[in-house]
């Protein structure tokens, strides 16, 4: 999971509204959660992110994006890996109130790696 530079690569499926807010941040931060979203959940593998973007975001909003970003591995130790289904359906659950701190540990830019329509 950890790379040579001490970071962990994470993925996040996103719809157009969330991605627009990431773009406005200069590709450096995830936007605050909405009141009905108590958890920010990046995922640990690209295949799972693709399934969510393609199978959930596209029907909901016409487009789904898969993003990739790196976070300081030491910081991520506070969030246990959660299995949301099968062996490869793995997430981190970041409480909404910790998202600002989480954003401060992103290394580099958030990038779009896939788009589905």
PDB file of N, CA and C in Angstrom:
ATOM      1  N   UNK A   1       0.810  -1.192   0.000  1.00  0.00           N
ATOM      2  CA  UNK A   1       0.000   0.000   0.000  1.00  0.00           C
ATOM      3  C   UNK A   1       0.861   1.268   0.000  1.00  0.00           C
ATOM      4  N   UNK A   2       1.898   1.322   0.848  1.00  0.00           N
ATOM      5  CA  UNK A   2       2.728   2.517   0.908  1.00  0.00           C
ATOM      6  C   UNK A   2       3.739   2.505  -0.240  1.00  0.00           C
ATOM      7  N   UNK A   3       3.947   3.682  -0.839  1.00  0.00           N
ATOM      8  CA  UNK A   3       4.914   3.815  -1.925  1.00  0.00           C
ATOM      9  C   UNK A   3       6.266   4.215  -1.351  1.00  0.00           C
ATOM     10  N   UNK A   4       7.268   4.272  -2.216  1.00  0.00           N
ATOM     11  CA  UNK A   4       8.622   4.607  -1.783  1.00  0.00           C
ATOM     12  C   UNK A   4       8.722   5.992  -1.155  1.00  0.00           C
ATOM     13  N   UNK A   5       7.839   6.890  -1.526  1.00  0.00           N
ATOM     14  CA  UNK A   5       7.908   8.247  -0.989  1.00  0.00           C
ATOM     15  C   UNK A   5       7.094   8.424   0.293  1.00  0.00           C
ATOM     16  N   UNK A   6       6.622   7.322   0.887  1.00  0.00           N
ATOM     17  CA  UNK A   6       5.895   7.408   2.147  1.00  0.00           C
ATOM     18  C   UNK A   6       4.438   7.796   1.999  1.00  0.00           C
ATOM     19  N   UNK A   7       3.900   7.669   0.795  1.00  0.00           N
ATOM     20  CA  UNK A   7       2.492   7.972   0.574  1.00  0.00           C
ATOM     21  C   UNK A   7       1.729   6.699   0.227  1.00  0.00           C
ATOM     22  N   UNK A   8       0.427   6.794   0.325  1.00  0.00           N
ATOM     23  CA  UNK A   8      -0.463   5.720  -0.100  1.00  0.00           C
ATOM     24  C   UNK A   8      -1.330   6.272  -1.221  1.00  0.00           C
ATOM     25  N   UNK A   9      -1.476   5.496  -2.285  1.00  0.00           N
ATOM     26  CA  UNK A   9      -2.319   5.893  -3.408  1.00  0.00           C
ATOM     27  C   UNK A   9      -3.751   5.482  -3.082  1.00  0.00           C
ATOM     28  N   UNK A  10      -4.671   6.430  -3.242  1.00  0.00           N
ATOM     29  CA  UNK A  10      -6.091   6.185  -3.046  1.00  0.00           C
ATOM     30  C   UNK A  10      -6.850   6.600  -4.299  1.00  0.00           C
ATOM     31  N   UNK A  11      -8.047   6.075  -4.435  1.00  0.00           N
ATOM     32  CA  UNK A  11      -8.929   6.429  -5.551  1.00  0.00           C
ATOM     33  C   UNK A  11     -10.250   6.911  -4.975  1.00  0.00           C
ATOM     34  N   UNK A  12     -10.943   7.709  -5.758  1.00  0.00           N
ATOM     35  CA  UNK A  12     -12.266   8.175  -5.349  1.00  0.00           C
ATOM     36  C   UNK A  12     -13.134   8.337  -6.585  1.00  0.00           C
ATOM     37  N   UNK A  13     -14.274   7.649  -6.639  1.00  0.00           N
ATOM     38  CA  UNK A  13     -15.237   7.906  -7.702  1.00  0.00           C
ATOM     39  C   UNK A  13     -15.936   9.227  -7.389  1.00  0.00           C
ATOM     40  N   UNK A  14     -16.225   9.990  -8.417  1.00  0.00           N
ATOM     41  CA  UNK A  14     -16.850  11.303  -8.206  1.00  0.00           C
ATOM     42  C   UNK A  14     -17.819  11.606  -9.331  1.00  0.00           C
ATOM     43  N   UNK A  15     -18.842  12.340  -8.987  1.00  0.00           N
ATOM     44  CA  UNK A  15     -19.771  12.867  -9.975  1.00  0.00           C
ATOM     45  C   UNK A  15     -19.321  14.251 -10.403  1.00  0.00           C
ATOM     46  N   UNK A  16     -20.035  14.864 -11.351  1.00  0.00           N
ATOM     47  CA  UNK A  16     -19.603  16.150 -11.901  1.00  0.00           C
ATOM     48  C   UNK A  16     -19.588  17.299 -10.889  1.00  0.00           C
ATOM     49  N   UNK A  17     -20.527  17.316  -9.953  1.00  0.00           N
ATOM     50  CA  UNK A  17     -20.553  18.421  -8.986  1.00  0.00           C
ATOM     51  C   UNK A  17     -19.354  18.362  -8.051  1.00  0.00           C
ATOM     52  N   UNK A  18     -19.084  17.176  -7.515  1.00  0.00           N
ATOM     53  CA  UNK A  18     -17.940  17.036  -6.619  1.00  0.00           C
ATOM     54  C   UNK A  18     -16.640  17.326  -7.366  1.00  0.00           C
ATOM     55  N   UNK A  19     -16.527  16.812  -8.589  1.00  0.00           N
ATOM     56  CA  UNK A  19     -15.304  17.048  -9.347  1.00  0.00           C
ATOM     57  C   UNK A  19     -15.124  18.542  -9.652  1.00  0.00           C
ATOM     58  N   UNK A  20     -16.214  19.241  -9.906  1.00  0.00           N
ATOM     59  CA  UNK A  20     -16.120  20.679 -10.128  1.00  0.00           C
ATOM     60  C   UNK A  20     -15.543  21.408  -8.926  1.00  0.00           C
ATOM     61  N   UNK A  21     -15.927  20.999  -7.736  1.00  0.00           N
ATOM     62  CA  UNK A  21     -15.395  21.612  -6.515  1.00  0.00           C
ATOM     63  C   UNK A  21     -13.922  21.265  -6.313  1.00  0.00           C
ATOM     64  N   UNK A  22     -13.529  20.047  -6.673  1.00  0.00           N
ATOM     65  CA  UNK A  22     -12.114  19.673  -6.611  1.00  0.00           C
ATOM     66  C   UNK A  22     -11.317  20.544  -7.592  1.00  0.00           C
ATOM     67  N   UNK A  23     -11.851  20.733  -8.789  1.00  0.00           N
ATOM     68  CA  UNK A  23     -11.197  21.586  -9.793  1.00  0.00           C
ATOM     69  C   UNK A  23     -11.012  23.005  -9.243  1.00  0.00           C
ATOM     70  N   UNK A  24     -12.063  23.544  -8.601  1.00  0.00           N
ATOM     71  CA  UNK A  24     -11.989  24.888  -8.031  1.00  0.00           C
ATOM     72  C   UNK A  24     -10.913  25.000  -6.958  1.00  0.00           C
ATOM     73  N   UNK A  25     -10.573  23.901  -6.306  1.00  0.00           N
ATOM     74  CA  UNK A  25      -9.538  23.908  -5.267  1.00  0.00           C
ATOM     75  C   UNK A  25      -8.131  23.852  -5.859  1.00  0.00           C
ATOM     76  N   UNK A  26      -8.038  23.829  -7.175  1.00  0.00           N
ATOM     77  CA  UNK A  26      -6.736  23.659  -7.808  1.00  0.00           C
ATOM     78  C   UNK A  26      -6.281  22.208  -7.798  1.00  0.00           C
ATOM     79  N   UNK A  27      -7.252  21.296  -7.695  1.00  0.00           N
ATOM     80  CA  UNK A  27      -7.002  19.850  -7.678  1.00  0.00           C
ATOM     81  C   UNK A  27      -6.241  19.423  -6.418  1.00  0.00           C
ATOM     82  N   UNK A  28      -6.465  20.140  -5.300  1.00  0.00           N
ATOM     83  CA  UNK A  28      -5.717  19.853  -4.067  1.00  0.00           C
ATOM     84  C   UNK A  28      -6.568  19.409  -2.889  1.00  0.00           C
ATOM     85  N   UNK A  29      -7.882  19.592  -2.948  1.00  0.00           N
ATOM     86  CA  UNK A  29      -8.720  19.333  -1.775  1.00  0.00           C
ATOM     87  C   UNK A  29     -10.062  18.723  -2.179  1.00  0.00           C
ATOM     88  N   UNK A  30     -10.586  17.911  -1.273  1.00  0.00           N
ATOM     89  CA  UNK A  30     -11.943  17.400  -1.427  1.00  0.00           C
ATOM     90  C   UNK A  30     -12.889  18.360  -0.733  1.00  0.00           C
ATOM     91  N   UNK A  31     -14.064  18.605  -1.314  1.00  0.00           N
ATOM     92  CA  UNK A  31     -14.999  19.555  -0.704  1.00  0.00           C
ATOM     93  C   UNK A  31     -15.615  18.995   0.572  1.00  0.00           C
ATOM     94  N   UNK A  32     -16.106  19.899   1.433  1.00  0.00           N
ATOM     95  CA  UNK A  32     -16.796  19.436   2.649  1.00  0.00           C
ATOM     96  C   UNK A  32     -17.962  18.526   2.283  1.00  0.00           C
ATOM     97  N   UNK A  33     -18.266  17.613   3.167  1.00  0.00           N
ATOM     98  CA  UNK A  33     -19.399  16.705   2.966  1.00  0.00           C
ATOM     99  C   UNK A  33     -20.703  17.480   3.132  1.00  0.00           C
ATOM    100  N   UNK A  34     -21.724  16.998   2.481  1.00  0.00           N
ATOM    101  CA  UNK A  34     -23.067  17.545   2.653  1.00  0.00           C
ATOM    102  C   UNK A  34     -23.632  17.045   3.986  1.00  0.00           C
ATOM    103  N   UNK A  35     -24.666  17.693   4.520  1.00  0.00           N
ATOM    104  CA  UNK A  35     -25.212  17.276   5.818  1.00  0.00           C
ATOM    105  C   UNK A  35     -25.591  15.793   5.897  1.00  0.00           C
ATOM    106  N   UNK A  36     -26.024  15.203   4.784  1.00  0.00           N
ATOM    107  CA  UNK A  36     -26.398  13.787   4.804  1.00  0.00           C
ATOM    108  C   UNK A  36     -25.237  12.856   4.447  1.00  0.00           C
ATOM    109  N   UNK A  37     -24.007  13.384   4.458  1.00  0.00           N
ATOM    110  CA  UNK A  37     -22.812  12.600   4.142  1.00  0.00           C
ATOM    111  C   UNK A  37     -21.833  12.664   5.316  1.00  0.00           C
ATOM    112  N   UNK A  38     -22.014  11.820   6.317  1.00  0.00           N
ATOM    113  CA  UNK A  38     -21.149  11.898   7.502  1.00  0.00           C
ATOM    114  C   UNK A  38     -19.747  11.341   7.302  1.00  0.00           C
ATOM    115  N   UNK A  39     -19.535  10.653   6.176  1.00  0.00           N
ATOM    116  CA  UNK A  39     -18.244   9.999   5.945  1.00  0.00           C
ATOM    117  C   UNK A  39     -17.743  10.300   4.536  1.00  0.00           C
ATOM    118  N   UNK A  40     -16.445  10.571   4.432  1.00  0.00           N
ATOM    119  CA  UNK A  40     -15.751  10.655   3.146  1.00  0.00           C
ATOM    120  C   UNK A  40     -15.047   9.322   2.987  1.00  0.00           C
ATOM    121  N   UNK A  41     -15.279   8.634   1.877  1.00  0.00           N
ATOM    122  CA  UNK A  41     -14.685   7.314   1.740  1.00  0.00           C
ATOM    123  C   UNK A  41     -13.879   7.174   0.452  1.00  0.00           C
ATOM    124  N   UNK A  42     -12.574   7.388   0.540  1.00  0.00           N
ATOM    125  CA  UNK A  42     -11.720   7.011  -0.582  1.00  0.00           C
ATOM    126  C   UNK A  42     -11.591   5.481  -0.594  1.00  0.00           C
ATOM    127  N   UNK A  43     -11.291   4.934  -1.756  1.00  0.00           N
ATOM    128  CA  UNK A  43     -11.182   3.481  -1.873  1.00  0.00           C
ATOM    129  C   UNK A  43      -9.737   3.086  -2.173  1.00  0.00           C
ATOM    130  N   UNK A  44      -9.433   1.803  -1.923  1.00  0.00           N
ATOM    131  CA  UNK A  44      -8.047   1.352  -1.988  1.00  0.00           C
ATOM    132  C   UNK A  44      -7.637   0.723  -3.304  1.00  0.00           C
ATOM    133  N   UNK A  45      -8.567   0.597  -4.245  1.00  0.00           N
ATOM    134  CA  UNK A  45      -8.142   0.071  -5.537  1.00  0.00           C
ATOM    135  C   UNK A  45      -8.966   0.684  -6.667  1.00  0.00           C
ATOM    136  N   UNK A  46      -8.324   0.777  -7.796  1.00  0.00           N
ATOM    137  CA  UNK A  46      -8.932   1.429  -8.957  1.00  0.00           C
ATOM    138  C   UNK A  46     -10.145   0.676  -9.481  1.00  0.00           C
ATOM    139  N   UNK A  47     -10.109  -0.653  -9.469  1.00  0.00           N
ATOM    140  CA  UNK A  47     -11.237  -1.431  -9.991  1.00  0.00           C
ATOM    141  C   UNK A  47     -12.531  -1.126  -9.245  1.00  0.00           C
ATOM    142  N   UNK A  48     -12.458  -1.021  -7.942  1.00  0.00           N
ATOM    143  CA  UNK A  48     -13.646  -0.708  -7.143  1.00  0.00           C
ATOM    144  C   UNK A  48     -14.135   0.701  -7.471  1.00  0.00           C
ATOM    145  N   UNK A  49     -13.221   1.656  -7.594  1.00  0.00           N
ATOM    146  CA  UNK A  49     -13.605   3.030  -7.943  1.00  0.00           C
ATOM    147  C   UNK A  49     -14.271   3.074  -9.318  1.00  0.00           C
ATOM    148  N   UNK A  50     -13.757   2.297 -10.254  1.00  0.00           N
ATOM    149  CA  UNK A  50     -14.348   2.242 -11.599  1.00  0.00           C
ATOM    150  C   UNK A  50     -15.775   1.726 -11.530  1.00  0.00           C
ATOM    151  N   UNK A  51     -15.998   0.670 -10.760  1.00  0.00           N
ATOM    152  CA  UNK A  51     -17.355   0.108 -10.649  1.00  0.00           C
ATOM    153  C   UNK A  51     -18.336   1.140 -10.113  1.00  0.00           C
ATOM    154  N   UNK A  52     -17.924   1.891  -9.097  1.00  0.00           N
ATOM    155  CA  UNK A  52     -18.821   2.899  -8.522  1.00  0.00           C
ATOM    156  C   UNK A  52     -19.084   4.022  -9.529  1.00  0.00           C
ATOM    157  N   UNK A  53     -18.016   4.529 -10.151  1.00  0.00           N
ATOM    158  CA  UNK A  53     -18.178   5.639 -11.105  1.00  0.00           C
ATOM    159  C   UNK A  53     -19.066   5.228 -12.276  1.00  0.00           C
ATOM    160  N   UNK A  54     -18.828   4.050 -12.816  1.00  0.00           N
ATOM    161  CA  UNK A  54     -19.561   3.573 -13.992  1.00  0.00           C
ATOM    162  C   UNK A  54     -20.988   3.153 -13.649  1.00  0.00           C
ATOM    163  N   UNK A  55     -21.146   2.403 -12.554  1.00  0.00           N
ATOM    164  CA  UNK A  55     -22.434   1.786 -12.254  1.00  0.00           C
ATOM    165  C   UNK A  55     -23.354   2.652 -11.389  1.00  0.00           C
ATOM    166  N   UNK A  56     -22.805   3.617 -10.652  1.00  0.00           N
ATOM    167  CA  UNK A  56     -23.629   4.458  -9.785  1.00  0.00           C
ATOM    168  C   UNK A  56     -23.653   5.909 -10.255  1.00  0.00           C
ATOM    169  N   UNK A  57     -22.467   6.489 -10.491  1.00  0.00           N
ATOM    170  CA  UNK A  57     -22.419   7.909 -10.852  1.00  0.00           C
ATOM    171  C   UNK A  57     -23.035   8.177 -12.225  1.00  0.00           C
ATOM    172  N   UNK A  58     -22.778   7.327 -13.199  1.00  0.00           N
ATOM    173  CA  UNK A  58     -23.329   7.565 -14.540  1.00  0.00           C
ATOM    174  C   UNK A  58     -24.861   7.547 -14.516  1.00  0.00           C
ATOM    175  N   UNK A  59     -25.506   6.526 -13.939  1.00  0.00           N
ATOM    176  CA  UNK A  59     -26.970   6.569 -13.905  1.00  0.00           C
ATOM    177  C   UNK A  59     -27.511   7.767 -13.111  1.00  0.00           C
ATOM    178  N   UNK A  60     -26.798   8.176 -12.070  1.00  0.00           N
ATOM    179  CA  UNK A  60     -27.280   9.260 -11.213  1.00  0.00           C
ATOM    180  C   UNK A  60     -27.099  10.639 -11.845  1.00  0.00           C
ATOM    181  N   UNK A  61     -26.002  10.835 -12.609  1.00  0.00           N
ATOM    182  CA  UNK A  61     -25.719  12.188 -13.101  1.00  0.00           C
ATOM    183  C   UNK A  61     -25.229  12.248 -14.545  1.00  0.00           C
ATOM    184  N   UNK A  62     -25.194  11.120 -15.227  1.00  0.00           N
ATOM    185  CA  UNK A  62     -24.793  11.120 -16.626  1.00  0.00           C
ATOM    186  C   UNK A  62     -23.307  10.982 -16.867  1.00  0.00           C
ATOM    187  N   UNK A  63     -22.508  11.160 -15.826  1.00  0.00           N
ATOM    188  CA  UNK A  63     -21.060  11.027 -15.964  1.00  0.00           C
ATOM    189  C   UNK A  63     -20.469  10.603 -14.618  1.00  0.00           C
ATOM    190  N   UNK A  64     -19.429   9.797 -14.692  1.00  0.00           N
ATOM    191  CA  UNK A  64     -18.716   9.367 -13.490  1.00  0.00           C
ATOM    192  C   UNK A  64     -17.230   9.447 -13.735  1.00  0.00           C
ATOM    193  N   UNK A  65     -16.518   9.915 -12.761  1.00  0.00           N
ATOM    194  CA  UNK A  65     -15.063  10.071 -12.860  1.00  0.00           C
ATOM    195  C   UNK A  65     -14.385   9.202 -11.813  1.00  0.00           C
ATOM    196  N   UNK A  66     -13.199   8.723 -12.148  1.00  0.00           N
ATOM    197  CA  UNK A  66     -12.349   8.048 -11.174  1.00  0.00           C
ATOM    198  C   UNK A  66     -11.142   8.947 -10.973  1.00  0.00           C
ATOM    199  N   UNK A  67     -10.885   9.286  -9.714  1.00  0.00           N
ATOM    200  CA  UNK A  67      -9.729  10.117  -9.401  1.00  0.00           C
ATOM    201  C   UNK A  67      -8.703   9.285  -8.645  1.00  0.00           C
ATOM    202  N   UNK A  68      -7.455   9.747  -8.730  1.00  0.00           N
ATOM    203  CA  UNK A  68      -6.354   9.106  -8.004  1.00  0.00           C
ATOM    204  C   UNK A  68      -5.590  10.211  -7.289  1.00  0.00           C
ATOM    205  N   UNK A  69      -5.184   9.924  -6.063  1.00  0.00           N
ATOM    206  CA  UNK A  69      -4.412  10.896  -5.301  1.00  0.00           C
ATOM    207  C   UNK A  69      -3.586  10.162  -4.245  1.00  0.00           C
ATOM    208  N   UNK A  70      -2.614  10.870  -3.697  1.00  0.00           N
ATOM    209  CA  UNK A  70      -1.719  10.282  -2.704  1.00  0.00           C
ATOM    210  C   UNK A  70      -1.874  11.023  -1.374  1.00  0.00           C
ATOM    211  N   UNK A  71      -1.788  10.260  -0.286  1.00  0.00           N
ATOM    212  CA  UNK A  71      -1.891  10.813   1.062  1.00  0.00           C
ATOM    213  C   UNK A  71      -0.740  10.245   1.883  1.00  0.00           C
ATOM    214  N   UNK A  72      -0.221  11.044   2.805  1.00  0.00           N
ATOM    215  CA  UNK A  72       0.850  10.580   3.687  1.00  0.00           C
ATOM    216  C   UNK A  72       0.412   9.295   4.389  1.00  0.00           C
ATOM    217  N   UNK A  73       1.178   8.229   4.189  1.00  0.00           N
ATOM    218  CA  UNK A  73       0.810   6.912   4.730  1.00  0.00           C
ATOM    219  C   UNK A  73       0.726   6.930   6.251  1.00  0.00           C
ATOM    220  N   UNK A  74       1.634   7.608   6.896  1.00  0.00           N
ATOM    221  CA  UNK A  74       1.623   7.649   8.365  1.00  0.00           C
ATOM    222  C   UNK A  74       0.322   8.244   8.889  1.00  0.00           C
ATOM    223  N   UNK A  75      -0.165   9.289   8.251  1.00  0.00           N
ATOM    224  CA  UNK A  75      -1.425   9.910   8.651  1.00  0.00           C
ATOM    225  C   UNK A  75      -2.597   8.943   8.501  1.00  0.00           C
ATOM    226  N   UNK A  76      -2.590   8.144   7.431  1.00  0.00           N
ATOM    227  CA  UNK A  76      -3.721   7.241   7.156  1.00  0.00           C
ATOM    228  C   UNK A  76      -3.854   6.103   8.159  1.00  0.00           C
ATOM    229  N   UNK A  77      -2.830   5.870   8.959  1.00  0.00           N
ATOM    230  CA  UNK A  77      -2.891   4.766   9.939  1.00  0.00           C
ATOM    231  C   UNK A  77      -4.062   4.905  10.904  1.00  0.00           C
ATOM    232  N   UNK A  78      -4.553   6.120  11.090  1.00  0.00           N
ATOM    233  CA  UNK A  78      -5.668   6.337  12.025  1.00  0.00           C
ATOM    234  C   UNK A  78      -6.991   5.787  11.488  1.00  0.00           C
ATOM    235  N   UNK A  79      -7.048   5.503  10.183  1.00  0.00           N
ATOM    236  CA  UNK A  79      -8.292   5.028   9.571  1.00  0.00           C
ATOM    237  C   UNK A  79      -8.163   3.550   9.207  1.00  0.00           C
ATOM    238  N   UNK A  80      -8.854   2.676   9.924  1.00  0.00           N
ATOM    239  CA  UNK A  80      -8.766   1.256   9.568  1.00  0.00           C
ATOM    240  C   UNK A  80      -9.402   0.990   8.205  1.00  0.00           C
ATOM    241  N   UNK A  81      -8.859   0.022   7.517  1.00  0.00           N
ATOM    242  CA  UNK A  81      -9.430  -0.388   6.230  1.00  0.00           C
ATOM    243  C   UNK A  81     -10.755  -1.086   6.507  1.00  0.00           C
ATOM    244  N   UNK A  82     -11.783  -0.687   5.776  1.00  0.00           N
ATOM    245  CA  UNK A  82     -13.116  -1.268   5.927  1.00  0.00           C
ATOM    246  C   UNK A  82     -13.437  -2.096   4.690  1.00  0.00           C
ATOM    247  N   UNK A  83     -13.918  -3.294   4.906  1.00  0.00           N
ATOM    248  CA  UNK A  83     -14.355  -4.138   3.793  1.00  0.00           C
ATOM    249  C   UNK A  83     -15.835  -3.876   3.584  1.00  0.00           C
ATOM    250  N   UNK A  84     -16.180  -3.365   2.401  1.00  0.00           N
ATOM    251  CA  UNK A  84     -17.568  -3.007   2.100  1.00  0.00           C
ATOM    252  C   UNK A  84     -18.244  -4.066   1.241  1.00  0.00           C
ATOM    253  N   UNK A  85     -17.648  -5.203   1.145  1.00  0.00           N
ATOM    254  CA  UNK A  85     -18.185  -6.279   0.317  1.00  0.00           C
ATOM    255  C   UNK A  85     -17.139  -7.370   0.199  1.00  0.00           C
ATOM    256  N   UNK A  86     -16.779  -7.721  -1.032  1.00  0.00           N
ATOM    257  CA  UNK A  86     -15.789  -8.767  -1.276  1.00  0.00           C
ATOM    258  C   UNK A  86     -14.380  -8.365  -0.876  1.00  0.00           C
ATOM    259  N   UNK A  87     -13.441  -9.250  -1.153  1.00  0.00           N
ATOM    260  CA  UNK A  87     -12.052  -9.057  -0.745  1.00  0.00           C
ATOM    261  C   UNK A  87     -11.413  -7.794  -1.305  1.00  0.00           C
ATOM    262  N   UNK A  88     -11.870  -7.314  -2.445  1.00  0.00           N
ATOM    263  CA  UNK A  88     -11.254  -6.138  -3.068  1.00  0.00           C
ATOM    264  C   UNK A  88     -12.096  -4.871  -2.918  1.00  0.00           C
ATOM    265  N   UNK A  89     -13.174  -4.947  -2.178  1.00  0.00           N
ATOM    266  CA  UNK A  89     -14.047  -3.786  -1.993  1.00  0.00           C
ATOM    267  C   UNK A  89     -13.671  -3.142  -0.658  1.00  0.00           C
ATOM    268  N   UNK A  90     -12.593  -2.363  -0.712  1.00  0.00           N
ATOM    269  CA  UNK A  90     -11.976  -1.808   0.490  1.00  0.00           C
ATOM    270  C   UNK A  90     -12.028  -0.289   0.473  1.00  0.00           C
ATOM    271  N   UNK A  91     -12.366   0.279   1.635  1.00  0.00           N
ATOM    272  CA  UNK A  91     -12.515   1.727   1.773  1.00  0.00           C
ATOM    273  C   UNK A  91     -11.840   2.191   3.056  1.00  0.00           C
ATOM    274  N   UNK A  92     -11.562   3.478   3.104  1.00  0.00           N
ATOM    275  CA  UNK A  92     -11.234   4.151   4.360  1.00  0.00           C
ATOM    276  C   UNK A  92     -12.417   5.040   4.685  1.00  0.00           C
ATOM    277  N   UNK A  93     -12.806   5.079   5.934  1.00  0.00           N
ATOM    278  CA  UNK A  93     -13.919   5.935   6.342  1.00  0.00           C
ATOM    279  C   UNK A  93     -13.363   7.103   7.128  1.00  0.00           C
ATOM    280  N   UNK A  94     -13.412   8.275   6.517  1.00  0.00           N
ATOM    281  CA  UNK A  94     -12.918   9.497   7.139  1.00  0.00           C
ATOM    282  C   UNK A  94     -14.136  10.293   7.609  1.00  0.00           C
ATOM    283  N   UNK A  95     -14.285  10.514   8.913  1.00  0.00           N
ATOM    284  CA  UNK A  95     -15.422  11.310   9.388  1.00  0.00           C
ATOM    285  C   UNK A  95     -15.416  12.695   8.748  1.00  0.00           C
ATOM    286  N   UNK A  96     -16.589  13.177   8.401  1.00  0.00           N
ATOM    287  CA  UNK A  96     -16.704  14.469   7.706  1.00  0.00           C
ATOM    288  C   UNK A  96     -15.970  15.575   8.441  1.00  0.00           C
ATOM    289  N   UNK A  97     -16.012  15.563   9.772  1.00  0.00           N
ATOM    290  CA  UNK A  97     -15.363  16.628  10.533  1.00  0.00           C
ATOM    291  C   UNK A  97     -13.834  16.565  10.483  1.00  0.00           C
ATOM    292  N   UNK A  98     -13.275  15.483   9.949  1.00  0.00           N
ATOM    293  CA  UNK A  98     -11.825  15.344   9.821  1.00  0.00           C
ATOM    294  C   UNK A  98     -11.340  15.590   8.389  1.00  0.00           C
ATOM    295  N   UNK A  99     -12.234  15.922   7.481  1.00  0.00           N
ATOM    296  CA  UNK A  99     -11.858  16.055   6.071  1.00  0.00           C
ATOM    297  C   UNK A  99     -10.871  17.193   5.833  1.00  0.00           C
ATOM    298  N   UNK A 100     -11.007  18.304   6.536  1.00  0.00           N
ATOM    299  CA  UNK A 100     -10.049  19.406   6.359  1.00  0.00           C
ATOM    300  C   UNK A 100      -8.645  18.948   6.724  1.00  0.00           C
ATOM    301  N   UNK A 101      -8.517  18.243   7.825  1.00  0.00           N
ATOM    302  CA  UNK A 101      -7.203  17.720   8.226  1.00  0.00           C
ATOM    303  C   UNK A 101      -6.698  16.699   7.209  1.00  0.00           C
ATOM    304  N   UNK A 102      -7.580  15.821   6.761  1.00  0.00           N
ATOM    305  CA  UNK A 102      -7.226  14.826   5.738  1.00  0.00           C
ATOM    306  C   UNK A 102      -6.680  15.523   4.497  1.00  0.00           C
ATOM    307  N   UNK A 103      -7.379  16.565   4.040  1.00  0.00           N
ATOM    308  CA  UNK A 103      -6.930  17.309   2.859  1.00  0.00           C
ATOM    309  C   UNK A 103      -5.526  17.869   3.040  1.00  0.00           C
ATOM    310  N   UNK A 104      -5.178  18.245   4.254  1.00  0.00           N
ATOM    311  CA  UNK A 104      -3.851  18.785   4.529  1.00  0.00           C
ATOM    312  C   UNK A 104      -2.740  17.767   4.379  1.00  0.00           C
ATOM    313  N   UNK A 105      -3.081  16.494   4.286  1.00  0.00           N
ATOM    314  CA  UNK A 105      -2.079  15.434   4.147  1.00  0.00           C
ATOM    315  C   UNK A 105      -2.045  14.842   2.737  1.00  0.00           C
ATOM    316  N   UNK A 106      -2.806  15.430   1.813  1.00  0.00           N
ATOM    317  CA  UNK A 106      -2.723  15.014   0.405  1.00  0.00           C
ATOM    318  C   UNK A 106      -1.396  15.517  -0.150  1.00  0.00           C
ATOM    319  N   UNK A 107      -0.714  14.654  -0.860  1.00  0.00           N
ATOM    320  CA  UNK A 107       0.578  14.996  -1.459  1.00  0.00           C
ATOM    321  C   UNK A 107       0.381  15.113  -2.968  1.00  0.00           C
ATOM    322  N   UNK A 108       0.672  16.266  -3.529  1.00  0.00           N
ATOM    323  CA  UNK A 108       0.495  16.467  -4.967  1.00  0.00           C
ATOM    324  C   UNK A 108      -0.949  16.789  -5.296  1.00  0.00           C
ATOM    325  N   UNK A 109      -1.300  16.507  -6.533  1.00  0.00           N
ATOM    326  CA  UNK A 109      -2.626  16.866  -7.048  1.00  0.00           C
ATOM    327  C   UNK A 109      -3.551  15.662  -7.133  1.00  0.00           C
ATOM    328  N   UNK A 110      -4.842  15.931  -7.069  1.00  0.00           N
ATOM    329  CA  UNK A 110      -5.867  14.933  -7.346  1.00  0.00           C
ATOM    330  C   UNK A 110      -6.013  14.890  -8.860  1.00  0.00           C
ATOM    331  N   UNK A 111      -5.956  13.707  -9.445  1.00  0.00           N
ATOM    332  CA  UNK A 111      -6.039  13.609 -10.900  1.00  0.00           C
ATOM    333  C   UNK A 111      -7.165  12.702 -11.337  1.00  0.00           C
ATOM    334  N   UNK A 112      -7.769  13.037 -12.477  1.00  0.00           N
ATOM    335  CA  UNK A 112      -8.802  12.203 -13.072  1.00  0.00           C
ATOM    336  C   UNK A 112      -8.091  11.153 -13.933  1.00  0.00           C
ATOM    337  N   UNK A 113      -8.403   9.882 -13.690  1.00  0.00           N
ATOM    338  CA  UNK A 113      -7.764   8.801 -14.450  1.00  0.00           C
ATOM    339  C   UNK A 113      -8.737   8.079 -15.377  1.00  0.00           C
ATOM    340  N   UNK A 114     -10.057   8.201 -15.137  1.00  0.00           N
ATOM    341  CA  UNK A 114     -11.069   7.583 -15.995  1.00  0.00           C
ATOM    342  C   UNK A 114     -12.316   8.454 -16.003  1.00  0.00           C
ATOM    343  N   UNK A 115     -13.038   8.393 -17.108  1.00  0.00           N
ATOM    344  CA  UNK A 115     -14.314   9.079 -17.215  1.00  0.00           C
ATOM    345  C   UNK A 115     -15.291   8.166 -17.931  1.00  0.00           C
ATOM    346  N   UNK A 116     -16.504   8.084 -17.396  1.00  0.00           N
ATOM    347  CA  UNK A 116     -17.555   7.254 -17.976  1.00  0.00           C
ATOM    348  C   UNK A 116     -18.780   8.102 -18.236  1.00  0.00           C
ATOM    349  N   UNK A 117     -19.441   7.857 -19.389  1.00  0.00           N
ATOM    350  CA  UNK A 117     -20.663   8.584 -19.727  1.00  0.00           C
ATOM    351  C   UNK A 117     -21.732   7.608 -20.137  1.00  0.00           C
TER     352      UNK A 117
END
